[in-house]
Amino acid sequence: MTRPEKKSDRLKSAAIVKLKYQLLTGGLDDGFREIFAGVCRDLDLDEAEVDSYLERNRHELEKLCGRD
């Protein structure tokens, strides 16, 4: 899988991963946090940036995750 080039695309991808996990499990466990740190490194993102993007775009992202 190739890394999205635009930062906005990388933020969206990481936010979807985090939100989908939260929706499925009801929270974020240590195992997820460790894996997600690697996702952020691979996408050259800071988790705080992802969290900010997620909050600004939550409604759209929830729709993409199948939650209306």
PDB file of N, CA and C in Angstrom:
ATOM      1  N   MET A   1       0.836  -1.169   0.000  1.00  0.00           N
ATOM      2  CA  MET A   1       0.000   0.000   0.000  1.00  0.00           C
ATOM      3  C   MET A   1       0.883   1.235   0.000  1.00  0.00           C
ATOM      4  N   THR A   2       0.589   2.163  -0.888  1.00  0.00           N
ATOM      5  CA  THR A   2       1.388   3.377  -0.949  1.00  0.00           C
ATOM      6  C   THR A   2       0.821   4.433  -0.013  1.00  0.00           C
ATOM      7  N   ARG A   3       1.695   5.244   0.484  1.00  0.00           N
ATOM      8  CA  ARG A   3       1.312   6.310   1.408  1.00  0.00           C
ATOM      9  C   ARG A   3       0.676   7.451   0.627  1.00  0.00           C
ATOM     10  N   PRO A   4      -0.483   7.947   1.072  1.00  0.00           N
ATOM     11  CA  PRO A   4      -1.075   9.113   0.417  1.00  0.00           C
ATOM     12  C   PRO A   4      -0.102  10.286   0.474  1.00  0.00           C
ATOM     13  N   GLU A   5       0.008  11.026  -0.620  1.00  0.00           N
ATOM     14  CA  GLU A   5       0.979  12.112  -0.689  1.00  0.00           C
ATOM     15  C   GLU A   5       0.528  13.371   0.044  1.00  0.00           C
ATOM     16  N   LYS A   6      -0.735  13.732  -0.086  1.00  0.00           N
ATOM     17  CA  LYS A   6      -1.210  14.964   0.535  1.00  0.00           C
ATOM     18  C   LYS A   6      -1.408  14.761   2.037  1.00  0.00           C
ATOM     19  N   LYS A   7      -0.971  15.748   2.811  1.00  0.00           N
ATOM     20  CA  LYS A   7      -1.096  15.637   4.261  1.00  0.00           C
ATOM     21  C   LYS A   7      -2.552  15.482   4.675  1.00  0.00           C
ATOM     22  N   SER A   8      -3.450  16.181   4.009  1.00  0.00           N
ATOM     23  CA  SER A   8      -4.869  16.071   4.370  1.00  0.00           C
ATOM     24  C   SER A   8      -5.371  14.648   4.168  1.00  0.00           C
ATOM     25  N   ASP A   9      -4.879  13.962   3.141  1.00  0.00           N
ATOM     26  CA  ASP A   9      -5.271  12.567   2.908  1.00  0.00           C
ATOM     27  C   ASP A   9      -4.698  11.649   3.982  1.00  0.00           C
ATOM     28  N   ARG A  10      -3.461  11.923   4.397  1.00  0.00           N
ATOM     29  CA  ARG A  10      -2.847  11.120   5.455  1.00  0.00           C
ATOM     30  C   ARG A  10      -3.579  11.320   6.779  1.00  0.00           C
ATOM     31  N   LEU A  11      -3.943  12.568   7.079  1.00  0.00           N
ATOM     32  CA  LEU A  11      -4.696  12.852   8.303  1.00  0.00           C
ATOM     33  C   LEU A  11      -6.040  12.141   8.290  1.00  0.00           C
ATOM     34  N   LYS A  12      -6.715  12.198   7.168  1.00  0.00           N
ATOM     35  CA  LYS A  12      -8.025  11.553   7.044  1.00  0.00           C
ATOM     36  C   LYS A  12      -7.899  10.051   7.250  1.00  0.00           C
ATOM     37  N   SER A  13      -6.899   9.448   6.637  1.00  0.00           N
ATOM     38  CA  SER A  13      -6.693   8.004   6.766  1.00  0.00           C
ATOM     39  C   SER A  13      -6.440   7.607   8.215  1.00  0.00           C
ATOM     40  N   ALA A  14      -5.552   8.327   8.879  1.00  0.00           N
ATOM     41  CA  ALA A  14      -5.233   8.010  10.276  1.00  0.00           C
ATOM     42  C   ALA A  14      -6.439   8.249  11.181  1.00  0.00           C
ATOM     43  N   ALA A  15      -7.178   9.306  10.923  1.00  0.00           N
ATOM     44  CA  ALA A  15      -8.355   9.603  11.742  1.00  0.00           C
ATOM     45  C   ALA A  15      -9.410   8.510  11.590  1.00  0.00           C
ATOM     46  N   ILE A  16      -9.571   7.993  10.385  1.00  0.00           N
ATOM     47  CA  ILE A  16     -10.531   6.909  10.158  1.00  0.00           C
ATOM     48  C   ILE A  16     -10.110   5.661  10.927  1.00  0.00           C
ATOM     49  N   VAL A  17      -8.829   5.332  10.896  1.00  0.00           N
ATOM     50  CA  VAL A  17      -8.336   4.166  11.635  1.00  0.00           C
ATOM     51  C   VAL A  17      -8.661   4.317  13.123  1.00  0.00           C
ATOM     52  N   LYS A  18      -8.353   5.474  13.682  1.00  0.00           N
ATOM     53  CA  LYS A  18      -8.564   5.696  15.112  1.00  0.00           C
ATOM     54  C   LYS A  18     -10.048   5.697  15.464  1.00  0.00           C
ATOM     55  N   LEU A  19     -10.848   6.400  14.689  1.00  0.00           N
ATOM     56  CA  LEU A  19     -12.276   6.483  14.973  1.00  0.00           C
ATOM     57  C   LEU A  19     -12.954   5.131  14.827  1.00  0.00           C
ATOM     58  N   LYS A  20     -12.622   4.399  13.776  1.00  0.00           N
ATOM     59  CA  LYS A  20     -13.245   3.093  13.553  1.00  0.00           C
ATOM     60  C   LYS A  20     -12.946   2.159  14.729  1.00  0.00           C
ATOM     61  N   TYR A  21     -11.713   2.172  15.204  1.00  0.00           N
ATOM     62  CA  TYR A  21     -11.364   1.333  16.351  1.00  0.00           C
ATOM     63  C   TYR A  21     -12.161   1.747  17.586  1.00  0.00           C
ATOM     64  N   GLN A  22     -12.263   3.052  17.823  1.00  0.00           N
ATOM     65  CA  GLN A  22     -13.039   3.542  18.969  1.00  0.00           C
ATOM     66  C   GLN A  22     -14.496   3.111  18.866  1.00  0.00           C
ATOM     67  N   LEU A  23     -15.064   3.211  17.676  1.00  0.00           N
ATOM     68  CA  LEU A  23     -16.467   2.847  17.489  1.00  0.00           C
ATOM     69  C   LEU A  23     -16.690   1.351  17.699  1.00  0.00           C
ATOM     70  N   LEU A  24     -15.734   0.541  17.265  1.00  0.00           N
ATOM     71  CA  LEU A  24     -15.880  -0.913  17.387  1.00  0.00           C
ATOM     72  C   LEU A  24     -15.652  -1.421  18.807  1.00  0.00           C
ATOM     73  N   THR A  25     -14.737  -0.798  19.528  1.00  0.00           N
ATOM     74  CA  THR A  25     -14.342  -1.322  20.837  1.00  0.00           C
ATOM     75  C   THR A  25     -14.798  -0.463  22.010  1.00  0.00           C
ATOM     76  N   GLY A  26     -15.186   0.760  21.748  1.00  0.00           N
ATOM     77  CA  GLY A  26     -15.598   1.655  22.820  1.00  0.00           C
ATOM     78  C   GLY A  26     -14.451   2.373  23.502  1.00  0.00           C
ATOM     79  N   GLY A  27     -13.238   2.208  23.006  1.00  0.00           N
ATOM     80  CA  GLY A  27     -12.093   2.881  23.615  1.00  0.00           C
ATOM     81  C   GLY A  27     -10.811   2.557  22.891  1.00  0.00           C
ATOM     82  N   LEU A  28      -9.722   3.017  23.470  1.00  0.00           N
ATOM     83  CA  LEU A  28      -8.397   2.787  22.900  1.00  0.00           C
ATOM     84  C   LEU A  28      -7.538   2.080  23.942  1.00  0.00           C
ATOM     85  N   ASP A  29      -7.141   0.851  23.647  1.00  0.00           N
ATOM     86  CA  ASP A  29      -6.313   0.105  24.595  1.00  0.00           C
ATOM     87  C   ASP A  29      -4.832   0.298  24.275  1.00  0.00           C
ATOM     88  N   ASP A  30      -3.983  -0.217  25.148  1.00  0.00           N
ATOM     89  CA  ASP A  30      -2.538  -0.043  24.982  1.00  0.00           C
ATOM     90  C   ASP A  30      -2.023  -0.648  23.680  1.00  0.00           C
ATOM     91  N   GLY A  31      -2.569  -1.797  23.291  1.00  0.00           N
ATOM     92  CA  GLY A  31      -2.149  -2.430  22.042  1.00  0.00           C
ATOM     93  C   GLY A  31      -2.441  -1.549  20.843  1.00  0.00           C
ATOM     94  N   PHE A  32      -3.631  -0.966  20.829  1.00  0.00           N
ATOM     95  CA  PHE A  32      -3.971  -0.063  19.728  1.00  0.00           C
ATOM     96  C   PHE A  32      -3.053   1.148  19.737  1.00  0.00           C
ATOM     97  N   ARG A  33      -2.827   1.713  20.909  1.00  0.00           N
ATOM     98  CA  ARG A  33      -1.986   2.917  20.995  1.00  0.00           C
ATOM     99  C   ARG A  33      -0.587   2.658  20.434  1.00  0.00           C
ATOM    100  N   GLU A  34      -0.056   1.485  20.710  1.00  0.00           N
ATOM    101  CA  GLU A  34       1.276   1.144  20.198  1.00  0.00           C
ATOM    102  C   GLU A  34       1.254   1.027  18.677  1.00  0.00           C
ATOM    103  N   ILE A  35       0.263   0.347  18.163  1.00  0.00           N
ATOM    104  CA  ILE A  35       0.148   0.198  16.708  1.00  0.00           C
ATOM    105  C   ILE A  35      -0.119   1.548  16.050  1.00  0.00           C
ATOM    106  N   PHE A  36      -0.997   2.345  16.654  1.00  0.00           N
ATOM    107  CA  PHE A  36      -1.340   3.634  16.064  1.00  0.00           C
ATOM    108  C   PHE A  36      -0.138   4.577  16.047  1.00  0.00           C
ATOM    109  N   ALA A  37       0.734   4.483  17.035  1.00  0.00           N
ATOM    110  CA  ALA A  37       1.956   5.291  17.029  1.00  0.00           C
ATOM    111  C   ALA A  37       2.783   4.961  15.790  1.00  0.00           C
ATOM    112  N   GLY A  38       2.824   3.681  15.421  1.00  0.00           N
ATOM    113  CA  GLY A  38       3.524   3.276  14.202  1.00  0.00           C
ATOM    114  C   GLY A  38       2.841   3.786  12.950  1.00  0.00           C
ATOM    115  N   VAL A  39       1.509   3.777  12.954  1.00  0.00           N
ATOM    116  CA  VAL A  39       0.754   4.326  11.820  1.00  0.00           C
ATOM    117  C   VAL A  39       1.112   5.800  11.641  1.00  0.00           C
ATOM    118  N   CYS A  40       1.122   6.535  12.737  1.00  0.00           N
ATOM    119  CA  CYS A  40       1.453   7.957  12.664  1.00  0.00           C
ATOM    120  C   CYS A  40       2.880   8.173  12.161  1.00  0.00           C
ATOM    121  N   ARG A  41       3.814   7.367  12.643  1.00  0.00           N
ATOM    122  CA  ARG A  41       5.200   7.475  12.162  1.00  0.00           C
ATOM    123  C   ARG A  41       5.266   7.212  10.670  1.00  0.00           C
ATOM    124  N   ASP A  42       4.602   6.140  10.225  1.00  0.00           N
ATOM    125  CA  ASP A  42       4.626   5.785   8.808  1.00  0.00           C
ATOM    126  C   ASP A  42       4.020   6.873   7.931  1.00  0.00           C
ATOM    127  N   LEU A  43       3.021   7.563   8.451  1.00  0.00           N
ATOM    128  CA  LEU A  43       2.353   8.617   7.681  1.00  0.00           C
ATOM    129  C   LEU A  43       2.958   9.997   7.937  1.00  0.00           C
ATOM    130  N   ASP A  44       4.022  10.040   8.751  1.00  0.00           N
ATOM    131  CA  ASP A  44       4.706  11.291   9.084  1.00  0.00           C
ATOM    132  C   ASP A  44       3.736  12.301   9.702  1.00  0.00           C
ATOM    133  N   LEU A  45       3.001  11.825  10.716  1.00  0.00           N
ATOM    134  CA  LEU A  45       2.014  12.652  11.400  1.00  0.00           C
ATOM    135  C   LEU A  45       2.241  12.605  12.903  1.00  0.00           C
ATOM    136  N   ASP A  46       1.751  13.605  13.576  1.00  0.00           N
ATOM    137  CA  ASP A  46       1.732  13.648  15.030  1.00  0.00           C
ATOM    138  C   ASP A  46       0.319  13.277  15.468  1.00  0.00           C
ATOM    139  N   GLU A  47       0.189  12.478  16.516  1.00  0.00           N
ATOM    140  CA  GLU A  47      -1.138  12.045  16.949  1.00  0.00           C
ATOM    141  C   GLU A  47      -2.036  13.225  17.316  1.00  0.00           C
ATOM    142  N   ALA A  48      -1.462  14.295  17.841  1.00  0.00           N
ATOM    143  CA  ALA A  48      -2.261  15.479  18.177  1.00  0.00           C
ATOM    144  C   ALA A  48      -2.886  16.085  16.920  1.00  0.00           C
ATOM    145  N   GLU A  49      -2.155  16.054  15.803  1.00  0.00           N
ATOM    146  CA  GLU A  49      -2.706  16.540  14.531  1.00  0.00           C
ATOM    147  C   GLU A  49      -3.893  15.689  14.104  1.00  0.00           C
ATOM    148  N   VAL A  50      -3.749  14.387  14.272  1.00  0.00           N
ATOM    149  CA  VAL A  50      -4.819  13.459  13.905  1.00  0.00           C
ATOM    150  C   VAL A  50      -6.045  13.715  14.775  1.00  0.00           C
ATOM    151  N   ASP A  51      -5.834  13.881  16.070  1.00  0.00           N
ATOM    152  CA  ASP A  51      -6.946  14.145  16.987  1.00  0.00           C
ATOM    153  C   ASP A  51      -7.670  15.436  16.621  1.00  0.00           C
ATOM    154  N   SER A  52      -6.918  16.456  16.287  1.00  0.00           N
ATOM    155  CA  SER A  52      -7.509  17.734  15.899  1.00  0.00           C
ATOM    156  C   SER A  52      -8.325  17.580  14.616  1.00  0.00           C
ATOM    157  N   TYR A  53      -7.764  16.878  13.637  1.00  0.00           N
ATOM    158  CA  TYR A  53      -8.478  16.632  12.380  1.00  0.00           C
ATOM    159  C   TYR A  53      -9.753  15.844  12.648  1.00  0.00           C
ATOM    160  N   LEU A  54      -9.653  14.836  13.498  1.00  0.00           N
ATOM    161  CA  LEU A  54     -10.810  14.001  13.820  1.00  0.00           C
ATOM    162  C   LEU A  54     -11.924  14.848  14.439  1.00  0.00           C
ATOM    163  N   GLU A  55     -11.585  15.705  15.362  1.00  0.00           N
ATOM    164  CA  GLU A  55     -12.603  16.537  16.008  1.00  0.00           C
ATOM    165  C   GLU A  55     -13.228  17.528  15.030  1.00  0.00           C
ATOM    166  N   ARG A  56     -12.428  18.111  14.159  1.00  0.00           N
ATOM    167  CA  ARG A  56     -12.959  19.075  13.182  1.00  0.00           C
ATOM    168  C   ARG A  56     -13.852  18.417  12.141  1.00  0.00           C
ATOM    169  N   ASN A  57     -13.620  17.140  11.867  1.00  0.00           N
ATOM    170  CA  ASN A  57     -14.317  16.452  10.780  1.00  0.00           C
ATOM    171  C   ASN A  57     -15.093  15.230  11.255  1.00  0.00           C
ATOM    172  N   ARG A  58     -15.425  15.186  12.529  1.00  0.00           N
ATOM    173  CA  ARG A  58     -16.034  13.993  13.126  1.00  0.00           C
ATOM    174  C   ARG A  58     -17.281  13.528  12.378  1.00  0.00           C
ATOM    175  N   HIS A  59     -18.182  14.437  12.045  1.00  0.00           N
ATOM    176  CA  HIS A  59     -19.439  14.036  11.400  1.00  0.00           C
ATOM    177  C   HIS A  59     -19.168  13.321  10.070  1.00  0.00           C
ATOM    178  N   GLU A  60     -18.326  13.904   9.246  1.00  0.00           N
ATOM    179  CA  GLU A  60     -17.982  13.295   7.953  1.00  0.00           C
ATOM    180  C   GLU A  60     -17.300  11.938   8.153  1.00  0.00           C
ATOM    181  N   LEU A  61     -16.386  11.868   9.105  1.00  0.00           N
ATOM    182  CA  LEU A  61     -15.648  10.631   9.344  1.00  0.00           C
ATOM    183  C   LEU A  61     -16.556   9.535   9.895  1.00  0.00           C
ATOM    184  N   GLU A  62     -17.499   9.898  10.751  1.00  0.00           N
ATOM    185  CA  GLU A  62     -18.441   8.902  11.262  1.00  0.00           C
ATOM    186  C   GLU A  62     -19.285   8.328  10.131  1.00  0.00           C
ATOM    187  N   LYS A  63     -19.668   9.172   9.189  1.00  0.00           N
ATOM    188  CA  LYS A  63     -20.413   8.678   8.018  1.00  0.00           C
ATOM    189  C   LYS A  63     -19.565   7.680   7.230  1.00  0.00           C
ATOM    190  N   LEU A  64     -18.297   8.006   7.038  1.00  0.00           N
ATOM    191  CA  LEU A  64     -17.405   7.109   6.301  1.00  0.00           C
ATOM    192  C   LEU A  64     -17.206   5.782   7.024  1.00  0.00           C
ATOM    193  N   CYS A  65     -17.318   5.809   8.336  1.00  0.00           N
ATOM    194  CA  CYS A  65     -17.165   4.592   9.137  1.00  0.00           C
ATOM    195  C   CYS A  65     -18.482   3.829   9.276  1.00  0.00           C
ATOM    196  N   GLY A  66     -19.514   4.309   8.597  1.00  0.00           N
ATOM    197  CA  GLY A  66     -20.792   3.609   8.625  1.00  0.00           C
ATOM    198  C   GLY A  66     -21.685   3.978   9.781  1.00  0.00           C
ATOM    199  N   ARG A  67     -21.409   5.109  10.372  1.00  0.00           N
ATOM    200  CA  ARG A  67     -22.232   5.563  11.499  1.00  0.00           C
ATOM    201  C   ARG A  67     -22.846   6.903  11.131  1.00  0.00           C
ATOM    202  N   ASP A  68     -24.142   6.950  11.123  1.00  0.00           N
ATOM    203  CA  ASP A  68     -24.833   8.198  10.773  1.00  0.00           C
ATOM    204  C   ASP A  68     -25.199   8.878  12.015  1.00  0.00           C
TER     205      ASP A  68
END
